[in-house]
Amino acid sequence: MTNRNKRSIPASGLGWLRVAGMVTCGIAGVFPFTRPLIAQGAQSQPLGLGQIQRLIQLQAPDATIAAEIRRRGLSFTPDRRTVEALRGAGPETLQAIDELRPMLDEAKLAIPQTLTKIYQALDQGNPQAIGPFVSPEITSRTQALDAVCRPFTYKAHYVETIIERPGRKFEARVRVLFKPFDEKAQVFTFHPNRSTFVLIQVGNDPLTLETEAAKEVVRQFVFAVRAGKWDVASRYASPHLPIDKMKAPEWAQYFDKITGAQVDSVQIIADHGILLLVRVDVRSYSAHLPDFLVDPATGLIVRAFFRARENIFTKLPDPTGFTDPDIEASILKRFGLVGPKEP
């Protein structure tokens, strides 16, 4: 290249280029969002806590930081202490980090405590005290509050499971016992809000899995007693169901005529606790569909072969079927209540 092809650059121009290069490189070092200046691979790497802190110090736009967190993820597991380490962060940045914070373990610890506070306040007739734990949509409706707990009726409750649903929602399956002896199976939906979990929805538990299990339990029980397999039948019966009474000759004749065990219907009822009423078509007795009660909490039969509709039971020693006399006591034990049986 000859000197004629070289273009002369004023000294002032060279100085401007040097300053611009220094500024550009400095931003690229701490501001990984300047994509043209960074290697392509670095653009997809998760962000570290130090990187986010530097971006906040440089006053990068809140929305930009949040967008990159959602796009690239984090190289660390955020927790509550992360918020303290990011002082000065904007609300969108904190929200983006909160979306990536694992909260199921935290929910399992916090939601049972929150439920206890809600039950205690409502049972004492003090709905104002549940404001921090319940959404305004629930606190503003008396019917919704009564669905949770009416004043002076609460006895005990326990949480069966807590699972996480999409949208940062947490479902708690709850069993609660009210006075005098009314049990409910409910599903409470919570949503995290800052340092707590807020109740946003209350519904009845459909007991879907328990219903399907009850169908098969009753079917197996019917076939077992028909075949005289009493050891097998006892696996599906509650501990105090009087199975030995089913060994009477009159009942043996009844069982011999059973040719099927097709479940006709299943219904959730409240009778000494939440129970599943299972109606079975035994084929040979077209006018008689024997009923069974299954405790969904244990999956065991607590009442069998009852509700006769014809004279089919008139010659049987137990025309009203067989019932576990200890149903109520077992429910109280399940709720952790100690004392004499409730009337």
Protein backbone atom coordinates (compact mmCIF):
# COMPACT_ATOMS: atom_id res chain seq x y z
CA MET A 1 0.00 0.00 0.00
CA THR A 2 1.45 3.38 -0.99
CA ASN A 3 1.29 6.52 1.02
CA ARG A 4 -1.15 7.87 -1.56
CA ASN A 5 -3.74 5.22 -0.50
CA LYS A 6 -3.41 6.04 3.18
CA ARG A 7 -5.95 8.45 4.63
CA SER A 8 -4.66 10.87 7.19
CA ILE A 9 -6.64 11.06 10.41
CA PRO A 10 -6.40 14.13 12.59
CA ALA A 11 -5.00 13.64 16.07
CA SER A 12 -8.27 14.78 17.54
CA GLY A 13 -10.05 12.01 15.60
CA LEU A 14 -7.72 9.34 16.97
CA GLY A 15 -8.38 10.53 20.46
CA TRP A 16 -12.13 10.25 19.94
CA LEU A 17 -11.77 6.67 18.68
CA ARG A 18 -9.64 5.68 21.67
CA VAL A 19 -12.20 7.07 24.14
CA ALA A 20 -15.09 5.43 22.30
CA GLY A 21 -13.31 2.08 22.34
CA MET A 22 -12.62 2.29 26.05
CA VAL A 23 -16.26 3.17 26.84
CA THR A 24 -17.59 0.42 24.59
CA CYS A 25 -15.35 -2.25 26.08
CA GLY A 26 -16.17 -1.11 29.59
CA ILE A 27 -19.90 -1.47 29.04
CA ALA A 28 -19.47 -4.84 27.37
CA GLY A 29 -17.63 -6.10 30.42
CA VAL A 30 -20.45 -5.43 32.87
CA PHE A 31 -23.44 -5.05 30.59
CA PRO A 32 -23.83 -8.38 28.80
CA PHE A 33 -26.87 -7.09 26.92
CA THR A 34 -24.69 -5.20 24.36
CA ARG A 35 -25.00 -8.20 22.07
CA PRO A 36 -22.93 -7.01 19.05
CA LEU A 37 -19.86 -6.72 21.30
CA ILE A 38 -20.13 -10.13 22.99
CA ALA A 39 -19.53 -13.64 21.76
CA GLN A 40 -22.70 -15.42 20.77
CA GLY A 41 -22.19 -18.15 23.38
CA ALA A 42 -22.06 -15.69 26.27
CA GLN A 43 -25.46 -14.30 25.32
CA SER A 44 -27.19 -17.57 26.25
CA GLN A 45 -25.32 -18.30 29.48
CA PRO A 46 -27.30 -17.95 32.72
CA LEU A 47 -26.77 -14.76 34.66
CA GLY A 48 -24.84 -14.75 37.90
CA LEU A 49 -25.72 -12.74 40.99
CA GLY A 50 -22.67 -10.50 40.54
CA GLN A 51 -23.66 -9.67 36.96
CA ILE A 52 -27.13 -8.59 38.02
CA GLN A 53 -25.70 -6.49 40.84
CA ARG A 54 -23.39 -4.65 38.42
CA LEU A 55 -26.25 -3.98 36.03
CA ILE A 56 -28.26 -2.48 38.85
CA GLN A 57 -25.29 -0.29 39.84
CA LEU A 58 -25.00 0.90 36.23
CA GLN A 59 -28.73 1.75 36.33
CA ALA A 60 -29.59 -0.50 33.42
CA PRO A 61 -33.32 -0.35 32.57
CA ASP A 62 -35.40 -2.47 34.95
CA ALA A 63 -37.41 -4.03 32.10
CA THR A 64 -34.22 -4.94 30.20
CA ILE A 65 -32.69 -6.76 33.17
CA ALA A 66 -35.96 -8.62 33.78
CA ALA A 67 -36.20 -9.65 30.13
CA GLU A 68 -32.67 -11.06 30.13
CA ILE A 69 -33.29 -12.98 33.36
CA ARG A 70 -36.35 -14.60 31.80
CA ARG A 71 -34.49 -15.32 28.56
CA ARG A 72 -31.21 -16.63 29.98
CA GLY A 73 -32.13 -17.88 33.44
CA LEU A 74 -29.89 -17.78 36.50
CA SER A 75 -26.66 -19.57 37.33
CA PHE A 76 -27.67 -19.69 41.01
CA THR A 77 -30.74 -20.74 42.98
CA PRO A 78 -32.52 -17.64 44.28
CA ASP A 79 -34.03 -17.53 47.75
CA ARG A 80 -35.33 -14.85 50.08
CA ARG A 81 -31.81 -13.61 50.79
CA THR A 82 -31.40 -12.82 47.08
CA VAL A 83 -33.70 -9.83 47.43
CA GLU A 84 -31.48 -8.42 50.19
CA ALA A 85 -28.42 -8.84 47.96
CA LEU A 86 -30.10 -6.88 45.15
CA ARG A 87 -30.85 -3.63 46.89
CA GLY A 88 -31.93 -1.03 44.39
CA ALA A 89 -33.38 -3.57 41.98
CA GLY A 90 -36.58 -2.57 40.23
CA PRO A 91 -39.91 -4.39 40.68
CA GLU A 92 -39.70 -6.11 37.29
CA THR A 93 -36.26 -7.50 38.06
CA LEU A 94 -37.40 -8.80 41.44
CA GLN A 95 -40.49 -10.33 39.87
CA ALA A 96 -38.42 -12.11 37.21
CA ILE A 97 -36.13 -13.55 39.89
CA ASP A 98 -39.08 -14.53 42.06
CA GLU A 99 -40.53 -16.49 39.14
CA LEU A 100 -37.42 -18.67 39.16
CA ARG A 101 -37.32 -19.13 42.92
CA PRO A 102 -38.24 -22.68 43.97
CA MET A 103 -41.06 -22.29 46.48
CA LEU A 104 -42.65 -25.69 47.02
CA ASP A 105 -40.62 -26.49 50.13
CA GLU A 106 -41.34 -23.02 51.43
CA ALA A 107 -45.04 -23.47 50.70
CA LYS A 108 -45.14 -26.77 52.59
CA LEU A 109 -43.85 -24.98 55.67
CA ALA A 110 -45.83 -21.75 55.43
CA ILE A 111 -49.29 -22.84 54.20
CA PRO A 112 -50.16 -25.10 57.18
CA GLN A 113 -49.28 -22.25 59.55
CA THR A 114 -51.35 -19.82 57.50
CA LEU A 115 -54.35 -22.17 57.51
CA THR A 116 -54.18 -22.48 61.28
CA LYS A 117 -54.29 -18.69 61.64
CA ILE A 118 -57.24 -18.48 59.24
CA TYR A 119 -59.25 -21.16 61.05
CA GLN A 120 -58.56 -19.65 64.47
CA ALA A 121 -59.58 -16.16 63.39
CA LEU A 122 -62.78 -17.24 61.63
CA ASP A 123 -63.77 -19.58 64.46
CA GLN A 124 -63.46 -16.64 66.87
CA GLY A 125 -65.66 -14.50 64.63
CA ASN A 126 -62.79 -12.18 63.68
CA PRO A 127 -62.57 -12.11 59.86
CA GLN A 128 -60.59 -8.84 59.94
CA ALA A 129 -57.57 -10.75 61.29
CA ILE A 130 -57.22 -12.85 58.14
CA GLY A 131 -56.65 -9.85 55.85
CA PRO A 132 -52.93 -10.53 55.27
CA PHE A 133 -53.58 -14.18 54.38
CA VAL A 134 -56.72 -14.07 52.22
CA SER A 135 -57.52 -12.31 48.95
CA PRO A 136 -60.05 -9.45 48.99
CA GLU A 137 -62.37 -11.51 46.78
CA ILE A 138 -62.83 -13.96 49.66
CA THR A 139 -62.85 -11.55 52.60
CA SER A 140 -65.54 -9.42 50.94
CA ARG A 141 -67.98 -12.34 50.65
CA THR A 142 -69.63 -13.84 53.73
CA GLN A 143 -70.54 -16.99 51.83
CA ALA A 144 -66.90 -17.57 50.87
CA LEU A 145 -65.77 -17.08 54.47
CA ASP A 146 -68.43 -19.49 55.74
CA ALA A 147 -67.21 -22.05 53.20
CA VAL A 148 -63.88 -21.97 54.99
CA CYS A 149 -65.15 -21.89 58.58
CA ARG A 150 -68.24 -20.62 60.35
CA PRO A 151 -67.75 -19.04 63.77
CA PHE A 152 -67.54 -21.35 66.78
CA THR A 153 -67.70 -24.61 64.80
CA TYR A 154 -64.04 -25.54 64.26
CA LYS A 155 -62.61 -28.69 65.85
CA ALA A 156 -59.46 -29.70 63.96
CA HIS A 157 -57.85 -29.96 60.55
CA TYR A 158 -54.86 -31.43 58.79
CA VAL A 159 -53.21 -30.96 55.39
CA GLU A 160 -52.96 -34.07 53.24
CA THR A 161 -50.81 -32.74 50.39
CA ILE A 162 -49.49 -29.50 48.93
CA ILE A 163 -48.60 -29.41 45.25
CA GLU A 164 -47.49 -26.69 42.87
CA ARG A 165 -49.60 -25.77 39.84
CA PRO A 166 -48.70 -23.61 36.82
CA GLY A 167 -48.76 -19.88 37.42
CA ARG A 168 -47.12 -20.10 40.86
CA LYS A 169 -50.24 -21.50 42.46
CA PHE A 170 -50.14 -24.00 45.29
CA GLU A 171 -52.97 -26.40 46.04
CA ALA A 172 -53.46 -27.72 49.56
CA ARG A 173 -55.78 -30.69 50.05
CA VAL A 174 -57.28 -30.24 53.50
CA ARG A 175 -59.48 -32.28 55.81
CA VAL A 176 -61.31 -30.26 58.45
CA LEU A 177 -63.64 -31.41 61.23
CA PHE A 178 -66.42 -29.14 62.49
CA LYS A 179 -68.80 -29.43 65.44
CA PRO A 180 -70.74 -31.49 66.23
CA PHE A 181 -69.28 -34.06 63.78
CA ASP A 182 -69.08 -32.67 60.27
CA GLU A 183 -66.04 -33.43 58.14
CA LYS A 184 -65.16 -31.66 54.89
CA ALA A 185 -62.60 -32.44 52.21
CA GLN A 186 -61.52 -29.21 50.57
CA VAL A 187 -58.91 -27.78 48.19
CA PHE A 188 -57.36 -24.41 49.06
CA THR A 189 -55.39 -22.54 46.40
CA PHE A 190 -52.63 -20.18 47.52
CA HIS A 191 -50.49 -17.68 45.67
CA PRO A 192 -47.19 -16.24 46.96
CA ASN A 193 -47.26 -12.57 47.85
CA ARG A 194 -44.00 -11.11 49.11
CA SER A 195 -43.14 -13.00 52.30
CA THR A 196 -46.40 -14.94 52.69
CA PHE A 197 -48.91 -17.11 50.84
CA VAL A 198 -52.38 -15.73 50.21
CA LEU A 199 -55.52 -17.85 49.94
CA ILE A 200 -57.18 -17.03 46.61
CA GLN A 201 -59.67 -19.88 46.07
CA VAL A 202 -61.66 -22.44 48.08
CA GLY A 203 -63.32 -25.52 46.61
CA ASN A 204 -64.48 -29.00 47.50
CA ASP A 205 -62.09 -31.86 46.91
CA PRO A 206 -63.54 -34.15 44.20
CA LEU A 207 -61.58 -37.09 45.64
CA THR A 208 -60.98 -38.34 42.11
CA LEU A 209 -58.18 -40.77 42.86
CA GLU A 210 -59.89 -42.03 46.01
CA THR A 211 -63.11 -42.66 44.08
CA GLU A 212 -61.38 -44.77 41.46
CA ALA A 213 -59.56 -46.71 44.16
CA ALA A 214 -62.81 -47.30 46.07
CA LYS A 215 -64.42 -48.90 43.02
CA GLU A 216 -61.71 -51.52 42.77
CA VAL A 217 -61.60 -52.10 46.54
CA VAL A 218 -65.31 -52.92 46.64
CA ARG A 219 -65.10 -55.15 43.56
CA GLN A 220 -62.24 -57.15 45.00
CA PHE A 221 -64.02 -57.42 48.35
CA VAL A 222 -67.22 -58.77 46.76
CA PHE A 223 -65.34 -61.42 44.79
CA ALA A 224 -63.24 -62.35 47.83
CA VAL A 225 -66.22 -62.98 50.13
CA ARG A 226 -68.00 -64.85 47.36
CA ALA A 227 -65.00 -67.18 47.06
CA GLY A 228 -64.60 -67.47 50.84
CA LYS A 229 -61.17 -65.83 50.70
CA TRP A 230 -61.52 -64.15 54.07
CA ASP A 231 -57.84 -63.28 54.41
CA VAL A 232 -58.07 -61.39 51.12
CA ALA A 233 -61.36 -59.73 52.11
CA SER A 234 -59.80 -58.47 55.34
CA ARG A 235 -57.23 -56.49 53.35
CA TYR A 236 -60.00 -54.31 51.97
CA ALA A 237 -61.99 -53.97 55.22
CA SER A 238 -61.48 -51.61 58.17
CA PRO A 239 -60.04 -53.30 61.28
CA HIS A 240 -63.37 -53.61 63.11
CA LEU A 241 -65.68 -54.50 60.23
CA PRO A 242 -67.37 -57.73 61.47
CA ILE A 243 -66.27 -60.00 58.63
CA ASP A 244 -66.78 -63.15 60.72
CA LYS A 245 -70.55 -62.57 60.66
CA MET A 246 -70.46 -62.88 56.88
CA LYS A 247 -69.45 -66.53 57.27
CA ALA A 248 -72.99 -67.49 58.34
CA PRO A 249 -74.58 -70.17 56.08
CA GLU A 250 -77.38 -67.82 55.04
CA TRP A 251 -74.85 -65.29 53.76
CA ALA A 252 -72.89 -68.04 52.01
CA GLN A 253 -76.02 -68.88 50.00
CA TYR A 254 -76.41 -65.21 49.13
CA PHE A 255 -72.78 -64.88 48.03
CA ASP A 256 -72.97 -68.05 45.90
CA LYS A 257 -75.59 -66.40 43.69
CA ILE A 258 -73.46 -63.34 42.97
CA THR A 259 -72.24 -63.45 39.38
CA GLY A 260 -70.74 -59.99 39.02
CA ALA A 261 -69.56 -56.85 40.78
CA GLN A 262 -70.10 -53.92 38.47
CA VAL A 263 -69.96 -50.54 40.22
CA ASP A 264 -73.17 -48.70 39.47
CA SER A 265 -72.33 -45.34 41.07
CA VAL A 266 -70.09 -43.59 43.59
CA GLN A 267 -71.20 -40.66 45.70
CA ILE A 268 -69.38 -38.52 48.27
CA ILE A 269 -71.41 -38.30 51.48
CA ALA A 270 -70.91 -36.96 55.00
CA ASP A 271 -71.80 -39.72 57.43
CA HIS A 272 -69.48 -39.95 60.43
CA GLY A 273 -66.89 -38.21 58.30
CA ILE A 274 -66.34 -37.99 54.57
CA LEU A 275 -67.17 -41.37 53.05
CA LEU A 276 -67.68 -42.76 49.56
CA LEU A 277 -71.00 -44.50 48.93
CA VAL A 278 -70.37 -47.24 46.37
CA ARG A 279 -73.33 -49.01 44.78
CA VAL A 280 -72.63 -52.37 43.13
CA ASP A 281 -74.60 -54.44 40.62
CA VAL A 282 -74.15 -58.09 41.61
CA ARG A 283 -76.05 -59.29 38.51
CA SER A 284 -78.06 -62.20 39.91
CA TYR A 285 -80.13 -59.92 42.15
CA SER A 286 -81.55 -57.54 39.59
CA ALA A 287 -83.64 -55.68 42.17
CA HIS A 288 -80.85 -55.37 44.71
CA LEU A 289 -77.74 -53.24 44.34
CA PRO A 290 -75.86 -53.58 47.63
CA ASP A 291 -74.19 -50.45 48.98
CA PHE A 292 -70.78 -50.04 50.58
CA LEU A 293 -69.12 -47.21 52.44
CA VAL A 294 -65.41 -46.64 51.85
CA ASP A 295 -63.31 -44.29 53.95
CA PRO A 296 -61.28 -42.34 51.34
CA ALA A 297 -58.67 -41.45 53.96
CA THR A 298 -57.75 -45.11 54.44
CA GLY A 299 -59.19 -46.69 51.28
CA LEU A 300 -60.94 -49.35 53.40
CA ILE A 301 -64.56 -50.50 53.57
CA VAL A 302 -66.32 -49.45 56.78
CA ARG A 303 -69.82 -50.66 55.88
CA ALA A 304 -70.82 -53.51 53.56
CA PHE A 305 -73.93 -55.07 51.99
CA PHE A 306 -76.59 -52.72 53.33
CA ARG A 307 -79.78 -50.98 52.19
CA ALA A 308 -81.94 -53.89 51.13
CA ARG A 309 -84.72 -53.10 48.68
CA GLU A 310 -86.54 -56.42 48.46
CA ASN A 311 -87.31 -59.34 50.72
CA ILE A 312 -83.91 -60.68 49.81
CA PHE A 313 -82.57 -60.00 53.29
CA THR A 314 -85.54 -61.19 55.33
CA LYS A 315 -83.94 -64.58 55.94
CA LEU A 316 -80.47 -63.22 56.62
CA PRO A 317 -79.19 -62.78 60.19
CA ASP A 318 -77.95 -59.25 59.43
CA PRO A 319 -80.55 -57.69 57.10
CA THR A 320 -78.99 -54.23 57.43
CA GLY A 321 -75.53 -55.35 56.42
CA PHE A 322 -72.29 -54.94 58.35
CA THR A 323 -70.89 -51.76 59.89
CA ASP A 324 -67.63 -50.97 61.63
CA PRO A 325 -68.74 -49.71 65.08
CA ASP A 326 -65.50 -47.79 65.50
CA ILE A 327 -65.84 -45.40 62.54
CA GLU A 328 -66.21 -42.29 64.67
CA ALA A 329 -63.31 -43.11 66.97
CA SER A 330 -60.99 -43.78 64.04
CA ILE A 331 -61.87 -40.40 62.52
CA LEU A 332 -61.13 -38.60 65.79
CA LYS A 333 -57.83 -40.44 65.94
CA ARG A 334 -57.04 -39.40 62.38
CA PHE A 335 -57.50 -35.75 63.36
CA GLY A 336 -55.33 -36.19 66.40
CA LEU A 337 -58.19 -35.64 68.83
CA VAL A 338 -57.93 -37.44 72.16
CA GLY A 339 -60.91 -38.02 74.42
CA PRO A 340 -64.24 -39.85 74.65
CA LYS A 341 -66.28 -40.55 71.56
CA GLU A 342 -68.40 -37.70 70.32
CA PRO A 343 -72.16 -38.24 70.80
